[in-house]
Amino acid sequence: MHHDLRRCRDEERELLLRSAAGDHDAFTELHRRFRPLVESWVRHHLVDRSLSEEVVQDVLLEVWCRAGRYDPQHAPVSWIRTIAQRRAIDRVRKAEADRQRDLRIGTRLLDTVDHAATERAEGALERAALHRAIAALPTRQREAVVLRHLGELSGPELAERLGVPLGTAKTRARDGLLTLRRSLGC
């Protein structure tokens, strides 16, 4: 078991070093491995889901951009966790500073609209429109879009799942996405 953990850490270290050299495939694998952990670490500090998602994206972008500064003497998980915690704490501090500023200048007293409820209602309407638009897609496009973008399959994984050539799978997913954008007015 100790050997397996060491092998895993060595693989992660190698992925991070390859990412630093600009290897997109290495970063994709690093992203796949660490995104759930980063989400967990960030949610420990932030309750707001949309804010958490923003911070997770910021963390992963910082990992990509700063991979060249990674010191291979340390475990990648520690380095990435430090970035995640720092970003999350910074966001909490900023939110608190914004709240204090709003209280100081009195804008909180003027704002009586429940924006969270409005955003939830808008989100529900957008999800319903998306479901209708997806349902209206031709079957092959719908299957490709759902597997590619909701199932988060890579192009080769999509082609394998659909049993078609890679180009065909990518074309179906792209055409379906374009059709969705047109029908949703994006």
N, C-alpha and C. Protein backbone atom coordinates (compact mmCIF):
# COMPACT_ATOMS: atom_id res chain seq x y z
N MET A 1 0.83 -1.19 0.00
CA MET A 1 0.00 0.00 0.00
C MET A 1 0.88 1.26 0.00
N HIS A 2 1.92 1.26 0.81
CA HIS A 2 2.83 2.40 0.84
C HIS A 2 3.49 2.58 -0.52
N HIS A 3 3.81 1.45 -1.16
CA HIS A 3 4.41 1.50 -2.50
C HIS A 3 3.43 2.10 -3.51
N ASP A 4 2.15 1.74 -3.41
CA ASP A 4 1.12 2.29 -4.32
C ASP A 4 0.98 3.79 -4.15
N LEU A 5 1.01 4.25 -2.91
CA LEU A 5 0.90 5.68 -2.64
C LEU A 5 2.11 6.42 -3.21
N ARG A 6 3.28 5.86 -3.03
CA ARG A 6 4.50 6.48 -3.55
C ARG A 6 4.44 6.54 -5.08
N ARG A 7 3.97 5.45 -5.70
CA ARG A 7 3.87 5.43 -7.15
C ARG A 7 2.87 6.48 -7.63
N CYS A 8 1.76 6.61 -6.94
CA CYS A 8 0.75 7.61 -7.28
C CYS A 8 1.32 9.02 -7.15
N ARG A 9 2.03 9.29 -6.06
CA ARG A 9 2.63 10.61 -5.85
C ARG A 9 3.68 10.91 -6.93
N ASP A 10 4.45 9.87 -7.30
CA ASP A 10 5.44 10.05 -8.36
C ASP A 10 4.77 10.38 -9.69
N GLU A 11 3.65 9.70 -9.98
CA GLU A 11 2.89 10.00 -11.20
C GLU A 11 2.39 11.43 -11.18
N GLU A 12 1.85 11.85 -10.04
CA GLU A 12 1.33 13.22 -9.91
C GLU A 12 2.44 14.24 -10.08
N ARG A 13 3.58 13.95 -9.50
CA ARG A 13 4.75 14.84 -9.63
C ARG A 13 5.14 14.96 -11.10
N GLU A 14 5.17 13.83 -11.79
CA GLU A 14 5.52 13.82 -13.21
C GLU A 14 4.48 14.60 -14.03
N LEU A 15 3.21 14.43 -13.72
CA LEU A 15 2.16 15.17 -14.43
C LEU A 15 2.33 16.67 -14.23
N LEU A 16 2.66 17.07 -13.02
CA LEU A 16 2.83 18.49 -12.73
C LEU A 16 4.05 19.05 -13.47
N LEU A 17 5.12 18.30 -13.50
CA LEU A 17 6.32 18.74 -14.21
C LEU A 17 6.07 18.82 -15.72
N ARG A 18 5.35 17.85 -16.25
CA ARG A 18 5.01 17.89 -17.69
C ARG A 18 4.07 19.05 -17.98
N SER A 19 3.16 19.34 -17.05
CA SER A 19 2.26 20.49 -17.21
C SER A 19 3.07 21.78 -17.26
N ALA A 20 4.08 21.86 -16.42
CA ALA A 20 4.94 23.04 -16.39
C ALA A 20 5.63 23.24 -17.73
N ALA A 21 5.88 22.13 -18.43
CA ALA A 21 6.52 22.19 -19.74
C ALA A 21 5.51 22.46 -20.85
N GLY A 22 4.22 22.63 -20.48
CA GLY A 22 3.19 22.95 -21.47
C GLY A 22 2.44 21.75 -22.01
N ASP A 23 2.57 20.60 -21.40
CA ASP A 23 1.88 19.39 -21.87
C ASP A 23 0.41 19.43 -21.45
N HIS A 24 -0.45 19.70 -22.43
CA HIS A 24 -1.89 19.83 -22.16
C HIS A 24 -2.50 18.50 -21.68
N ASP A 25 -2.05 17.39 -22.26
CA ASP A 25 -2.59 16.09 -21.86
C ASP A 25 -2.25 15.79 -20.40
N ALA A 26 -1.05 16.14 -20.00
CA ALA A 26 -0.64 15.94 -18.60
C ALA A 26 -1.52 16.78 -17.68
N PHE A 27 -1.77 18.02 -18.08
CA PHE A 27 -2.62 18.88 -17.24
C PHE A 27 -4.06 18.36 -17.21
N THR A 28 -4.54 17.84 -18.32
CA THR A 28 -5.89 17.27 -18.34
C THR A 28 -6.00 16.14 -17.32
N GLU A 29 -5.01 15.29 -17.27
CA GLU A 29 -5.01 14.19 -16.30
C GLU A 29 -4.88 14.73 -14.87
N LEU A 30 -4.02 15.71 -14.68
CA LEU A 30 -3.85 16.33 -13.37
C LEU A 30 -5.18 16.95 -12.92
N HIS A 31 -5.84 17.63 -13.84
CA HIS A 31 -7.15 18.25 -13.59
C HIS A 31 -8.16 17.17 -13.18
N ARG A 32 -8.18 16.07 -13.91
CA ARG A 32 -9.13 14.98 -13.62
C ARG A 32 -8.89 14.42 -12.21
N ARG A 33 -7.63 14.25 -11.85
CA ARG A 33 -7.29 13.68 -10.55
C ARG A 33 -7.59 14.64 -9.39
N PHE A 34 -7.29 15.92 -9.59
CA PHE A 34 -7.32 16.85 -8.46
C PHE A 34 -8.59 17.68 -8.35
N ARG A 35 -9.38 17.81 -9.39
CA ARG A 35 -10.56 18.67 -9.32
C ARG A 35 -11.48 18.29 -8.14
N PRO A 36 -11.80 17.00 -7.94
CA PRO A 36 -12.67 16.66 -6.80
C PRO A 36 -12.06 17.08 -5.46
N LEU A 37 -10.76 16.93 -5.30
CA LEU A 37 -10.11 17.34 -4.06
C LEU A 37 -10.16 18.85 -3.90
N VAL A 38 -9.86 19.56 -4.97
CA VAL A 38 -9.89 21.03 -4.92
C VAL A 38 -11.30 21.50 -4.56
N GLU A 39 -12.32 20.89 -5.17
CA GLU A 39 -13.71 21.26 -4.85
C GLU A 39 -13.99 21.05 -3.36
N SER A 40 -13.53 19.94 -2.83
CA SER A 40 -13.75 19.64 -1.41
C SER A 40 -13.04 20.66 -0.52
N TRP A 41 -11.80 20.96 -0.83
CA TRP A 41 -11.04 21.92 -0.03
C TRP A 41 -11.68 23.31 -0.07
N VAL A 42 -12.12 23.72 -1.25
CA VAL A 42 -12.71 25.05 -1.40
C VAL A 42 -14.05 25.11 -0.68
N ARG A 43 -14.87 24.09 -0.81
CA ARG A 43 -16.18 24.08 -0.16
C ARG A 43 -16.07 24.08 1.36
N HIS A 44 -14.93 23.66 1.87
CA HIS A 44 -14.70 23.71 3.31
C HIS A 44 -14.71 25.16 3.79
N HIS A 45 -14.28 26.07 2.93
CA HIS A 45 -14.21 27.49 3.29
C HIS A 45 -15.39 28.30 2.77
N LEU A 46 -15.95 27.91 1.64
CA LEU A 46 -17.01 28.69 1.00
C LEU A 46 -18.30 27.89 0.92
N VAL A 47 -19.38 28.49 1.34
CA VAL A 47 -20.68 27.82 1.32
C VAL A 47 -21.37 28.03 -0.02
N ASP A 48 -21.23 29.23 -0.57
CA ASP A 48 -21.89 29.59 -1.82
C ASP A 48 -21.34 28.75 -2.97
N ARG A 49 -22.22 27.98 -3.59
CA ARG A 49 -21.80 27.03 -4.64
C ARG A 49 -21.19 27.74 -5.85
N SER A 50 -21.83 28.80 -6.32
CA SER A 50 -21.28 29.47 -7.51
C SER A 50 -19.94 30.12 -7.20
N LEU A 51 -19.80 30.65 -6.01
CA LEU A 51 -18.53 31.23 -5.60
C LEU A 51 -17.46 30.14 -5.51
N SER A 52 -17.85 28.99 -4.98
CA SER A 52 -16.93 27.85 -4.89
C SER A 52 -16.45 27.43 -6.27
N GLU A 53 -17.39 27.36 -7.22
CA GLU A 53 -17.02 26.95 -8.57
C GLU A 53 -16.04 27.93 -9.20
N GLU A 54 -16.24 29.22 -8.96
CA GLU A 54 -15.31 30.23 -9.47
C GLU A 54 -13.92 30.02 -8.89
N VAL A 55 -13.87 29.79 -7.59
CA VAL A 55 -12.57 29.62 -6.91
C VAL A 55 -11.89 28.35 -7.41
N VAL A 56 -12.65 27.27 -7.59
CA VAL A 56 -12.06 26.02 -8.10
C VAL A 56 -11.42 26.28 -9.46
N GLN A 57 -12.13 27.00 -10.34
CA GLN A 57 -11.57 27.32 -11.65
C GLN A 57 -10.31 28.17 -11.50
N ASP A 58 -10.35 29.15 -10.59
CA ASP A 58 -9.18 30.00 -10.35
C ASP A 58 -7.99 29.16 -9.89
N VAL A 59 -8.25 28.22 -8.99
CA VAL A 59 -7.18 27.37 -8.46
C VAL A 59 -6.56 26.55 -9.58
N LEU A 60 -7.40 25.90 -10.38
CA LEU A 60 -6.87 25.05 -11.44
C LEU A 60 -6.14 25.86 -12.50
N LEU A 61 -6.62 27.05 -12.77
CA LEU A 61 -5.91 27.94 -13.69
C LEU A 61 -4.55 28.33 -13.12
N GLU A 62 -4.52 28.62 -11.83
CA GLU A 62 -3.25 28.97 -11.19
C GLU A 62 -2.28 27.79 -11.21
N VAL A 63 -2.79 26.58 -11.02
CA VAL A 63 -1.92 25.40 -11.09
C VAL A 63 -1.29 25.31 -12.48
N TRP A 64 -2.10 25.52 -13.51
CA TRP A 64 -1.58 25.48 -14.88
C TRP A 64 -0.54 26.59 -15.10
N CYS A 65 -0.89 27.79 -14.70
CA CYS A 65 -0.02 28.94 -14.96
C CYS A 65 1.26 28.93 -14.13
N ARG A 66 1.19 28.39 -12.92
CA ARG A 66 2.33 28.45 -12.01
C ARG A 66 3.03 27.10 -11.85
N ALA A 67 2.69 26.14 -12.69
CA ALA A 67 3.30 24.81 -12.57
C ALA A 67 4.82 24.87 -12.64
N GLY A 68 5.35 25.85 -13.35
CA GLY A 68 6.80 26.00 -13.45
C GLY A 68 7.46 26.36 -12.13
N ARG A 69 6.67 26.85 -11.18
CA ARG A 69 7.21 27.22 -9.87
C ARG A 69 7.13 26.07 -8.85
N TYR A 70 6.53 24.97 -9.28
CA TYR A 70 6.39 23.81 -8.39
C TYR A 70 7.76 23.23 -8.06
N ASP A 71 7.99 22.94 -6.79
CA ASP A 71 9.23 22.33 -6.33
C ASP A 71 8.99 20.82 -6.17
N PRO A 72 9.61 19.99 -7.01
CA PRO A 72 9.35 18.55 -6.97
C PRO A 72 9.78 17.87 -5.68
N GLN A 73 10.43 18.60 -4.78
CA GLN A 73 10.78 18.02 -3.49
C GLN A 73 9.54 17.84 -2.61
N HIS A 74 8.47 18.53 -2.97
CA HIS A 74 7.23 18.48 -2.19
C HIS A 74 6.16 17.70 -2.94
N ALA A 75 5.22 17.16 -2.21
CA ALA A 75 4.12 16.42 -2.82
C ALA A 75 3.20 17.37 -3.58
N PRO A 76 2.81 17.01 -4.81
CA PRO A 76 1.90 17.86 -5.57
C PRO A 76 0.60 18.16 -4.83
N VAL A 77 0.10 17.18 -4.10
CA VAL A 77 -1.16 17.38 -3.38
C VAL A 77 -1.02 18.51 -2.35
N SER A 78 0.12 18.61 -1.71
CA SER A 78 0.34 19.69 -0.74
C SER A 78 0.43 21.04 -1.43
N TRP A 79 1.12 21.08 -2.54
CA TRP A 79 1.29 22.33 -3.28
C TRP A 79 -0.07 22.84 -3.78
N ILE A 80 -0.86 21.93 -4.36
CA ILE A 80 -2.17 22.31 -4.90
C ILE A 80 -3.12 22.68 -3.78
N ARG A 81 -3.06 21.95 -2.67
CA ARG A 81 -3.94 22.27 -1.54
C ARG A 81 -3.62 23.67 -0.98
N THR A 82 -2.36 24.01 -0.92
CA THR A 82 -1.98 25.34 -0.43
C THR A 82 -2.58 26.42 -1.33
N ILE A 83 -2.50 26.22 -2.64
CA ILE A 83 -3.08 27.18 -3.57
C ILE A 83 -4.59 27.28 -3.34
N ALA A 84 -5.26 26.13 -3.21
CA ALA A 84 -6.71 26.11 -3.02
C ALA A 84 -7.12 26.81 -1.73
N GLN A 85 -6.45 26.51 -0.66
CA GLN A 85 -6.80 27.14 0.61
C GLN A 85 -6.54 28.64 0.58
N ARG A 86 -5.43 29.04 -0.02
CA ARG A 86 -5.12 30.47 -0.10
C ARG A 86 -6.18 31.21 -0.92
N ARG A 87 -6.55 30.63 -2.05
CA ARG A 87 -7.57 31.27 -2.90
C ARG A 87 -8.93 31.34 -2.19
N ALA A 88 -9.32 30.27 -1.52
CA ALA A 88 -10.61 30.24 -0.82
C ALA A 88 -10.63 31.26 0.32
N ILE A 89 -9.56 31.31 1.09
CA ILE A 89 -9.50 32.26 2.21
C ILE A 89 -9.50 33.69 1.68
N ASP A 90 -8.78 33.94 0.59
CA ASP A 90 -8.80 35.27 -0.01
C ASP A 90 -10.21 35.66 -0.42
N ARG A 91 -10.97 34.71 -0.98
CA ARG A 91 -12.33 35.01 -1.42
C ARG A 91 -13.24 35.28 -0.23
N VAL A 92 -13.06 34.54 0.86
CA VAL A 92 -13.84 34.79 2.08
C VAL A 92 -13.54 36.19 2.61
N ARG A 93 -12.27 36.54 2.66
CA ARG A 93 -11.88 37.86 3.14
C ARG A 93 -12.43 38.97 2.25
N LYS A 94 -12.39 38.77 0.96
CA LYS A 94 -12.92 39.78 0.04
C LYS A 94 -14.43 39.94 0.23
N ALA A 95 -15.13 38.82 0.35
CA ALA A 95 -16.59 38.89 0.55
C ALA A 95 -16.91 39.63 1.85
N GLU A 96 -16.16 39.35 2.90
CA GLU A 96 -16.39 40.03 4.18
C GLU A 96 -16.07 41.52 4.07
N ALA A 97 -14.99 41.86 3.39
CA ALA A 97 -14.63 43.27 3.20
C ALA A 97 -15.71 43.98 2.39
N ASP A 98 -16.23 43.32 1.36
CA ASP A 98 -17.32 43.91 0.57
C ASP A 98 -18.56 44.13 1.42
N ARG A 99 -18.87 43.15 2.25
CA ARG A 99 -20.05 43.27 3.12
C ARG A 99 -19.87 44.42 4.11
N GLN A 100 -18.70 44.51 4.69
CA GLN A 100 -18.43 45.60 5.64
C GLN A 100 -18.50 46.96 4.95
N ARG A 101 -17.97 47.04 3.75
CA ARG A 101 -18.02 48.30 3.00
C ARG A 101 -19.48 48.66 2.70
N ASP A 102 -20.28 47.68 2.29
CA ASP A 102 -21.69 47.94 2.00
C ASP A 102 -22.42 48.43 3.24
N LEU A 103 -22.13 47.82 4.37
CA LEU A 103 -22.77 48.25 5.61
C LEU A 103 -22.34 49.67 5.98
N ARG A 104 -21.06 49.96 5.77
CA ARG A 104 -20.53 51.27 6.10
C ARG A 104 -21.20 52.37 5.27
N ILE A 105 -21.42 52.12 4.01
CA ILE A 105 -21.98 53.18 3.17
C ILE A 105 -23.50 53.10 3.06
N GLY A 106 -24.09 52.10 3.68
CA GLY A 106 -25.54 52.04 3.77
C GLY A 106 -26.26 51.41 2.60
N THR A 107 -25.54 50.83 1.65
CA THR A 107 -26.24 50.26 0.50
C THR A 107 -27.03 49.02 0.88
N ARG A 108 -26.66 48.36 1.94
CA ARG A 108 -27.42 47.17 2.36
C ARG A 108 -28.85 47.55 2.72
N LEU A 109 -29.03 48.74 3.27
CA LEU A 109 -30.37 49.17 3.66
C LEU A 109 -31.24 49.45 2.45
N LEU A 110 -30.63 49.83 1.33
CA LEU A 110 -31.38 50.16 0.13
C LEU A 110 -31.72 48.93 -0.70
N ASP A 111 -30.98 47.88 -0.55
CA ASP A 111 -31.15 46.69 -1.37
C ASP A 111 -32.13 45.72 -0.69
N THR A 112 -33.37 45.72 -1.14
CA THR A 112 -34.38 44.85 -0.53
C THR A 112 -34.75 43.67 -1.43
N VAL A 113 -34.14 43.57 -2.61
CA VAL A 113 -34.43 42.48 -3.52
C VAL A 113 -33.65 41.25 -3.07
N ASP A 114 -34.32 40.13 -3.03
CA ASP A 114 -33.66 38.87 -2.69
C ASP A 114 -33.02 38.32 -3.97
N HIS A 115 -31.77 38.71 -4.19
CA HIS A 115 -31.09 38.31 -5.41
C HIS A 115 -30.89 36.80 -5.49
N ALA A 116 -30.66 36.17 -4.38
CA ALA A 116 -30.46 34.72 -4.39
C ALA A 116 -31.71 34.02 -4.92
N ALA A 117 -32.90 34.45 -4.48
CA ALA A 117 -34.14 33.85 -4.95
C ALA A 117 -34.33 34.12 -6.44
N THR A 118 -34.01 35.34 -6.87
CA THR A 118 -34.13 35.70 -8.28
C THR A 118 -33.20 34.84 -9.12
N GLU A 119 -31.96 34.68 -8.65
CA GLU A 119 -31.00 33.86 -9.39
C GLU A 119 -31.43 32.40 -9.43
N ARG A 120 -32.00 31.90 -8.33
CA ARG A 120 -32.47 30.51 -8.33
C ARG A 120 -33.61 30.34 -9.34
N ALA A 121 -34.52 31.31 -9.39
CA ALA A 121 -35.65 31.23 -10.33
C ALA A 121 -35.14 31.30 -11.77
N GLU A 122 -34.21 32.23 -12.03
CA GLU A 122 -33.65 32.34 -13.38
C GLU A 122 -32.92 31.06 -13.76
N GLY A 123 -32.19 30.50 -12.80
CA GLY A 123 -31.47 29.25 -13.06
C GLY A 123 -32.42 28.11 -13.40
N ALA A 124 -33.54 28.04 -12.69
CA ALA A 124 -34.52 26.99 -12.96
C ALA A 124 -35.11 27.16 -14.36
N LEU A 125 -35.40 28.40 -14.75
CA LEU A 125 -35.94 28.66 -16.08
C LEU A 125 -34.90 28.31 -17.15
N GLU A 126 -33.64 28.67 -16.91
CA GLU A 126 -32.59 28.36 -17.86
C GLU A 126 -32.40 26.85 -17.99
N ARG A 127 -32.45 26.13 -16.87
CA ARG A 127 -32.31 24.67 -16.92
C ARG A 127 -33.46 24.04 -17.70
N ALA A 128 -34.68 24.55 -17.48
CA ALA A 128 -35.84 24.01 -18.20
C ALA A 128 -35.69 24.25 -19.70
N ALA A 129 -35.23 25.46 -20.08
CA ALA A 129 -35.03 25.77 -21.50
C ALA A 129 -33.94 24.87 -22.08
N LEU A 130 -32.89 24.63 -21.32
CA LEU A 130 -31.81 23.77 -21.78
C LEU A 130 -32.31 22.34 -21.99
N HIS A 131 -33.10 21.83 -21.04
CA HIS A 131 -33.65 20.47 -21.17
C HIS A 131 -34.52 20.37 -22.42
N ARG A 132 -35.36 21.39 -22.67
CA ARG A 132 -36.21 21.37 -23.88
C ARG A 132 -35.34 21.40 -25.14
N ALA A 133 -34.30 22.24 -25.12
CA ALA A 133 -33.44 22.36 -26.30
C ALA A 133 -32.68 21.05 -26.55
N ILE A 134 -32.21 20.41 -25.49
CA ILE A 134 -31.50 19.13 -25.64
C ILE A 134 -32.46 18.08 -26.17
N ALA A 135 -33.67 18.05 -25.65
CA ALA A 135 -34.66 17.07 -26.10
C ALA A 135 -35.01 17.26 -27.57
N ALA A 136 -34.90 18.48 -28.07
CA ALA A 136 -35.26 18.77 -29.46
C ALA A 136 -34.13 18.40 -30.44
N LEU A 137 -32.95 18.13 -29.95
CA LEU A 137 -31.84 17.77 -30.83
C LEU A 137 -32.11 16.43 -31.50
N PRO A 138 -31.57 16.24 -32.72
CA PRO A 138 -31.62 14.89 -33.31
C PRO A 138 -30.92 13.90 -32.38
N THR A 139 -31.40 12.68 -32.38
CA THR A 139 -30.93 11.67 -31.43
C THR A 139 -29.41 11.54 -31.40
N ARG A 140 -28.75 11.48 -32.55
CA ARG A 140 -27.30 11.29 -32.58
C ARG A 140 -26.57 12.50 -31.99
N GLN A 141 -27.04 13.69 -32.29
CA GLN A 141 -26.42 14.89 -31.73
C GLN A 141 -26.66 14.96 -30.22
N ARG A 142 -27.89 14.65 -29.81
CA ARG A 142 -28.22 14.71 -28.39
C ARG A 142 -27.33 13.75 -27.60
N GLU A 143 -27.19 12.54 -28.09
CA GLU A 143 -26.36 11.56 -27.40
C GLU A 143 -24.90 12.04 -27.31
N ALA A 144 -24.38 12.59 -28.42
CA ALA A 144 -23.00 13.06 -28.43
C ALA A 144 -22.80 14.25 -27.50
N VAL A 145 -23.74 15.20 -27.50
CA VAL A 145 -23.63 16.38 -26.64
C VAL A 145 -23.69 15.97 -25.17
N VAL A 146 -24.63 15.12 -24.83
CA VAL A 146 -24.79 14.71 -23.43
C VAL A 146 -23.55 13.97 -22.94
N LEU A 147 -23.05 13.04 -23.73
CA LEU A 147 -21.87 12.29 -23.31
C LEU A 147 -20.62 13.17 -23.25
N ARG A 148 -20.46 14.05 -24.24
CA ARG A 148 -19.25 14.87 -24.32
C ARG A 148 -19.23 15.95 -23.25
N HIS A 149 -20.36 16.67 -23.11
CA HIS A 149 -20.35 17.85 -22.24
C HIS A 149 -20.92 17.61 -20.86
N LEU A 150 -21.86 16.72 -20.73
CA LEU A 150 -22.38 16.43 -19.39
C LEU A 150 -21.67 15.23 -18.78
N GLY A 151 -21.32 14.27 -19.64
CA GLY A 151 -20.59 13.10 -19.17
C GLY A 151 -19.10 13.33 -19.13
N GLU A 152 -18.66 14.49 -19.65
CA GLU A 152 -17.26 14.90 -19.65
C GLU A 152 -16.33 13.86 -20.26
N LEU A 153 -16.78 13.25 -21.37
CA LEU A 153 -15.92 12.30 -22.07
C LEU A 153 -14.99 13.06 -23.02
N SER A 154 -13.80 12.55 -23.18
CA SER A 154 -12.88 13.13 -24.16
C SER A 154 -13.36 12.73 -25.55
N GLY A 155 -12.77 13.33 -26.58
CA GLY A 155 -13.14 12.97 -27.95
C GLY A 155 -12.97 11.48 -28.22
N PRO A 156 -11.80 10.91 -27.91
CA PRO A 156 -11.62 9.48 -28.16
C PRO A 156 -12.58 8.61 -27.33
N GLU A 157 -12.85 9.00 -26.10
CA GLU A 157 -13.80 8.24 -25.27
C GLU A 157 -15.19 8.31 -25.87
N LEU A 158 -15.56 9.48 -26.39
CA LEU A 158 -16.87 9.65 -27.03
C LEU A 158 -16.97 8.76 -28.26
N ALA A 159 -15.95 8.77 -29.09
CA ALA A 159 -15.96 7.94 -30.31
C ALA A 159 -16.10 6.47 -29.95
N GLU A 160 -15.38 6.05 -28.93
CA GLU A 160 -15.45 4.65 -28.51
C GLU A 160 -16.85 4.31 -28.00
N ARG A 161 -17.41 5.19 -27.16
CA ARG A 161 -18.74 4.95 -26.60
C ARG A 161 -19.80 4.89 -27.69
N LEU A 162 -19.68 5.78 -28.70
CA LEU A 162 -20.68 5.82 -29.78
C LEU A 162 -20.41 4.77 -30.86
N GLY A 163 -19.19 4.23 -30.86
CA GLY A 163 -18.84 3.23 -31.87
C GLY A 163 -18.69 3.83 -33.25
N VAL A 164 -18.17 5.07 -33.30
CA VAL A 164 -17.99 5.76 -34.57
C VAL A 164 -16.56 6.31 -34.62
N PRO A 165 -16.10 6.72 -35.82
CA PRO A 165 -14.77 7.34 -35.90
C PRO A 165 -14.72 8.63 -35.07
N LEU A 166 -13.52 9.00 -34.66
CA LEU A 166 -13.31 10.17 -33.82
C LEU A 166 -13.89 11.43 -34.47
N GLY A 167 -13.61 11.64 -35.74
CA GLY A 167 -14.11 12.83 -36.44
C GLY A 167 -15.63 12.90 -36.43
N THR A 168 -16.27 11.78 -36.62
CA THR A 168 -17.74 11.73 -36.61
C THR A 168 -18.28 12.09 -35.23
N ALA A 169 -17.66 11.54 -34.19
CA ALA A 169 -18.10 11.82 -32.82
C ALA A 169 -17.96 13.30 -32.51
N LYS A 170 -16.80 13.87 -32.87
CA LYS A 170 -16.58 15.30 -32.61
C LYS A 170 -17.54 16.17 -33.39
N THR A 171 -17.81 15.81 -34.63
CA THR A 171 -18.74 16.58 -35.47
C THR A 171 -20.15 16.55 -34.88
N ARG A 172 -20.59 15.39 -34.45
CA ARG A 172 -21.93 15.30 -33.84
C ARG A 172 -22.02 16.18 -32.60
N ALA A 173 -21.00 16.12 -31.76
CA ALA A 173 -21.02 16.92 -30.53
C ALA A 173 -20.97 18.41 -30.87
N ARG A 174 -20.11 18.80 -31.80
CA ARG A 174 -20.00 20.20 -32.19
C ARG A 174 -21.31 20.71 -32.82
N ASP A 175 -21.87 19.95 -33.75
CA ASP A 175 -23.12 20.36 -34.41
C ASP A 175 -24.26 20.46 -33.40
N GLY A 176 -24.31 19.52 -32.48
CA GLY A 176 -25.35 19.56 -31.45
C GLY A 176 -25.20 20.79 -30.57
N LEU A 177 -23.97 21.10 -30.21
CA LEU A 177 -23.71 22.27 -29.37
C LEU A 177 -24.08 23.56 -30.11
N LEU A 178 -23.74 23.64 -31.38
CA LEU A 178 -24.10 24.82 -32.17
C LEU A 178 -25.62 24.97 -32.26
N THR A 179 -26.32 23.86 -32.46
CA THR A 179 -27.78 23.89 -32.51
C THR A 179 -28.36 24.35 -31.18
N LEU A 180 -27.78 23.86 -30.08
CA LEU A 180 -28.23 24.29 -28.75
C LEU A 180 -28.03 25.78 -28.57
N ARG A 181 -26.87 26.27 -28.94
CA ARG A 181 -26.59 27.70 -28.78
C ARG A 181 -27.59 28.54 -29.58
N ARG A 182 -27.87 28.12 -30.80
CA ARG A 182 -28.84 28.86 -31.61
C ARG A 182 -30.22 28.84 -30.97
N SER A 183 -30.64 27.68 -30.51
CA SER A 183 -31.99 27.58 -29.93
C SER A 183 -32.11 28.31 -28.60
N LEU A 184 -30.99 28.45 -27.88
CA LEU A 184 -31.01 29.17 -26.61
C LEU A 184 -30.65 30.65 -26.75
N GLY A 185 -30.32 31.05 -27.98
CA GLY A 185 -30.00 32.45 -28.23
C GLY A 185 -28.64 32.86 -27.66
N CYS A 186 -27.71 31.92 -27.58
CA CYS A 186 -26.38 32.23 -27.04
C CYS A 186 -25.43 32.66 -28.13
